[in-house]
Every structure is written in C-alpha cells, then in structure tokens.
Amino acid sequence: SSGINAEWPLRPGVEVLQQVADATSDKKKAVKKEKDDRVLFKKTEVADLEATHFSIFYNNALFLFLTIILSFYILKNFTPGANYLGSSVTSACVVAFMSTGAN
C-alpha cells in the first residue's frame, strides 16, 4: 500500500520492534544488549514525538476555546477590532502562561 497509511504506525511498540529487527537482521551476531538499547532508544524517541504532538494539540484546542469564549461571550459588546485584538492577545497570553508554567 502507499500513502499515509503505509507510514502511519497503528501500534508504535510493534512498529519500533519491527524497525529495530529490520536494522539488525544483517548482523547475525548482534549483541542482545545493543538490540535492547536500540529498542529503548527508539521507544523513547516515539514517546517524545507523541508527547510533542499531544502538547501542540492541547495548546491549539485551548487557544481556540478561549478565543471563542472571549469573542462571543465576554467581549461581545466591544467593537470588532477591539474584540479581535482582546480575544487573540488574551488567549495567546493564557496559552503561553499555561504551557511554560511549572508542572
């Protein structure tokens, strides 16, 4: 198959193991420790990527939610320019504060 579906892993753990197995198949005498290290490194890499994607999704959803609430409910009586500026800047500041705050 071709396209996005061929590159999109359905189960990241299985995909990682398959990639590592393919990479070490030439080396019949691959050391088990080296293989385990590669699997751990690849799983960590996949987990970091998934965490980044979730973080971007969360920040975008929060920004959109805040912009809609501010625009249509809180700043509805302001002029359109002030409404846009106020809702955009306030939403951006809240998202920036929430994303850089301490855990």
C-alpha atoms as a PDB file:
ATOM      1  CA  SER A   1       0.000   0.000   0.000  1.00  0.00           C
ATOM      2  CA  SER A   2       1.074   3.581  -0.433  1.00  0.00           C
ATOM      3  CA  GLY A   3       0.347   6.976   1.043  1.00  0.00           C
ATOM      4  CA  ILE A   4      -0.066   7.993   4.631  1.00  0.00           C
ATOM      5  CA  ASN A   5      -1.425   4.639   5.827  1.00  0.00           C
ATOM      6  CA  ALA A   6       1.815   2.902   4.920  1.00  0.00           C
ATOM      7  CA  GLU A   7       3.802   5.279   7.128  1.00  0.00           C
ATOM      8  CA  TRP A   8       1.348   5.657   9.990  1.00  0.00           C
ATOM      9  CA  PRO A   9       2.043   3.122  12.760  1.00  0.00           C
ATOM     10  CA  LEU A  10      -1.051   1.567  14.246  1.00  0.00           C
ATOM     11  CA  ARG A  11       0.827   0.329  17.286  1.00  0.00           C
ATOM     12  CA  PRO A  12       4.061   2.234  17.975  1.00  0.00           C
ATOM     13  CA  GLY A  13       5.588  -0.542  20.113  1.00  0.00           C
ATOM     14  CA  VAL A  14       5.224  -3.149  17.365  1.00  0.00           C
ATOM     15  CA  GLU A  15       6.475  -0.674  14.757  1.00  0.00           C
ATOM     16  CA  VAL A  16       9.572   0.094  16.830  1.00  0.00           C
ATOM     17  CA  LEU A  17      10.415  -3.573  17.319  1.00  0.00           C
ATOM     18  CA  GLN A  18       9.961  -4.239  13.616  1.00  0.00           C
ATOM     19  CA  GLN A  19      12.238  -1.334  12.627  1.00  0.00           C
ATOM     20  CA  VAL A  20      14.957  -2.478  15.011  1.00  0.00           C
ATOM     21  CA  ALA A  21      14.652  -6.087  13.855  1.00  0.00           C
ATOM     22  CA  ASP A  22      14.994  -4.960  10.226  1.00  0.00           C
ATOM     23  CA  ALA A  23      18.050  -2.863  11.060  1.00  0.00           C
ATOM     24  CA  THR A  24      19.817  -5.712  12.869  1.00  0.00           C
ATOM     25  CA  SER A  25      18.789  -8.550  10.561  1.00  0.00           C
ATOM     26  CA  ASP A  26      22.050  -8.206   8.546  1.00  0.00           C
ATOM     27  CA  LYS A  27      24.121  -8.650  11.677  1.00  0.00           C
ATOM     28  CA  LYS A  28      23.508 -12.201  12.801  1.00  0.00           C
ATOM     29  CA  LYS A  29      25.825 -11.750  15.764  1.00  0.00           C
ATOM     30  CA  ALA A  30      24.135  -8.603  17.104  1.00  0.00           C
ATOM     31  CA  VAL A  31      24.594  -8.381  20.819  1.00  0.00           C
ATOM     32  CA  LYS A  32      21.362  -8.575  22.808  1.00  0.00           C
ATOM     33  CA  LYS A  33      22.363  -5.551  24.878  1.00  0.00           C
ATOM     34  CA  GLU A  34      22.854  -3.464  21.750  1.00  0.00           C
ATOM     35  CA  LYS A  35      19.469  -4.555  20.421  1.00  0.00           C
ATOM     36  CA  ASP A  36      17.787  -3.744  23.742  1.00  0.00           C
ATOM     37  CA  ASP A  37      19.460  -0.325  23.772  1.00  0.00           C
ATOM     38  CA  ARG A  38      18.209   0.376  20.259  1.00  0.00           C
ATOM     39  CA  VAL A  39      14.670  -0.653  21.197  1.00  0.00           C
ATOM     40  CA  LEU A  40      14.757   1.544  24.297  1.00  0.00           C
ATOM     41  CA  PHE A  41      16.142   4.499  22.343  1.00  0.00           C
ATOM     42  CA  LYS A  42      13.522   4.121  19.605  1.00  0.00           C
ATOM     43  CA  LYS A  43      10.675   3.776  22.131  1.00  0.00           C
ATOM     44  CA  THR A  44      11.891   6.914  23.910  1.00  0.00           C
ATOM     45  CA  GLU A  45      12.052   8.738  20.592  1.00  0.00           C
ATOM     46  CA  VAL A  46       8.476   7.691  19.716  1.00  0.00           C
ATOM     47  CA  ALA A  47       7.225   8.662  23.178  1.00  0.00           C
ATOM     48  CA  ASP A  48       8.844  12.110  22.887  1.00  0.00           C
ATOM     49  CA  LEU A  49       7.258  12.631  19.491  1.00  0.00           C
ATOM     50  CA  GLU A  50       3.822  11.611  20.773  1.00  0.00           C
ATOM     51  CA  ALA A  51       4.173  13.927  23.780  1.00  0.00           C
ATOM     52  CA  THR A  52       5.079  16.808  21.465  1.00  0.00           C
ATOM     53  CA  HIS A  53       2.071  16.136  19.239  1.00  0.00           C
ATOM     54  CA  PHE A  54      -0.271  15.970  22.226  1.00  0.00           C
ATOM     55  CA  SER A  55       1.149  19.210  23.621  1.00  0.00           C
ATOM     56  CA  ILE A  56       0.610  21.041  20.334  1.00  0.00           C
ATOM     57  CA  PHE A  57      -2.933  19.677  20.070  1.00  0.00           C
ATOM     58  CA  TYR A  58      -3.726  20.705  23.659  1.00  0.00           C
ATOM     59  CA  ASN A  59      -2.363  24.234  23.181  1.00  0.00           C
ATOM     60  CA  ASN A  60      -4.277  24.721  19.929  1.00  0.00           C
ATOM     61  CA  ALA A  61      -7.517  23.450  21.463  1.00  0.00           C
ATOM     62  CA  LEU A  62      -7.095  25.711  24.494  1.00  0.00           C
ATOM     63  CA  PHE A  63      -6.384  28.740  22.295  1.00  0.00           C
ATOM     64  CA  LEU A  64      -9.444  28.060  20.120  1.00  0.00           C
ATOM     65  CA  PHE A  65     -11.697  27.529  23.138  1.00  0.00           C
ATOM     66  CA  LEU A  66     -10.528  30.711  24.846  1.00  0.00           C
ATOM     67  CA  THR A  67     -10.818  32.771  21.658  1.00  0.00           C
ATOM     68  CA  ILE A  68     -14.405  31.643  21.067  1.00  0.00           C
ATOM     69  CA  ILE A  69     -15.461  32.227  24.683  1.00  0.00           C
ATOM     70  CA  LEU A  70     -13.823  35.652  24.809  1.00  0.00           C
ATOM     71  CA  SER A  71     -15.077  36.760  21.373  1.00  0.00           C
ATOM     72  CA  PHE A  72     -18.688  35.654  21.596  1.00  0.00           C
ATOM     73  CA  TYR A  73     -19.457  35.966  25.302  1.00  0.00           C
ATOM     74  CA  ILE A  74     -17.085  38.204  27.242  1.00  0.00           C
ATOM     75  CA  LEU A  75     -16.100  40.852  24.667  1.00  0.00           C
ATOM     76  CA  LYS A  76     -19.286  40.751  22.554  1.00  0.00           C
ATOM     77  CA  ASN A  77     -20.155  44.436  23.171  1.00  0.00           C
ATOM     78  CA  PHE A  78     -16.735  45.740  22.083  1.00  0.00           C
ATOM     79  CA  THR A  79     -16.008  46.987  18.569  1.00  0.00           C
ATOM     80  CA  PRO A  80     -14.895  44.240  16.156  1.00  0.00           C
ATOM     81  CA  GLY A  81     -11.273  45.398  16.166  1.00  0.00           C
ATOM     82  CA  ALA A  82     -11.067  45.561  19.938  1.00  0.00           C
ATOM     83  CA  ASN A  83     -12.891  42.218  20.221  1.00  0.00           C
ATOM     84  CA  TYR A  84     -10.425  40.536  17.864  1.00  0.00           C
ATOM     85  CA  LEU A  85      -7.364  42.089  19.464  1.00  0.00           C
ATOM     86  CA  GLY A  86      -8.526  41.454  23.023  1.00  0.00           C
ATOM     87  CA  SER A  87      -9.587  37.857  22.477  1.00  0.00           C
ATOM     88  CA  SER A  88      -6.476  36.948  20.450  1.00  0.00           C
ATOM     89  CA  VAL A  89      -3.953  38.551  22.777  1.00  0.00           C
ATOM     90  CA  THR A  90      -5.630  37.290  25.943  1.00  0.00           C
ATOM     91  CA  SER A  91      -5.902  33.742  24.575  1.00  0.00           C
ATOM     92  CA  ALA A  92      -2.280  33.772  23.435  1.00  0.00           C
ATOM     93  CA  CYS A  93      -1.099  35.039  26.829  1.00  0.00           C
ATOM     94  CA  VAL A  94      -3.098  32.414  28.736  1.00  0.00           C
ATOM     95  CA  VAL A  95      -1.820  29.605  26.499  1.00  0.00           C
ATOM     96  CA  ALA A  96       1.766  30.872  26.800  1.00  0.00           C
ATOM     97  CA  PHE A  97       1.436  31.069  30.582  1.00  0.00           C
ATOM     98  CA  MET A  98      -0.108  27.596  30.811  1.00  0.00           C
ATOM     99  CA  SER A  99       2.479  25.981  28.525  1.00  0.00           C
ATOM    100  CA  THR A 100       5.529  27.453  30.266  1.00  0.00           C
ATOM    101  CA  GLY A 101       4.281  27.051  33.833  1.00  0.00           C
ATOM    102  CA  ALA A 102       5.789  24.632  36.326  1.00  0.00           C
ATOM    103  CA  ASN A 103       4.396  21.120  36.475  1.00  0.00           C
END
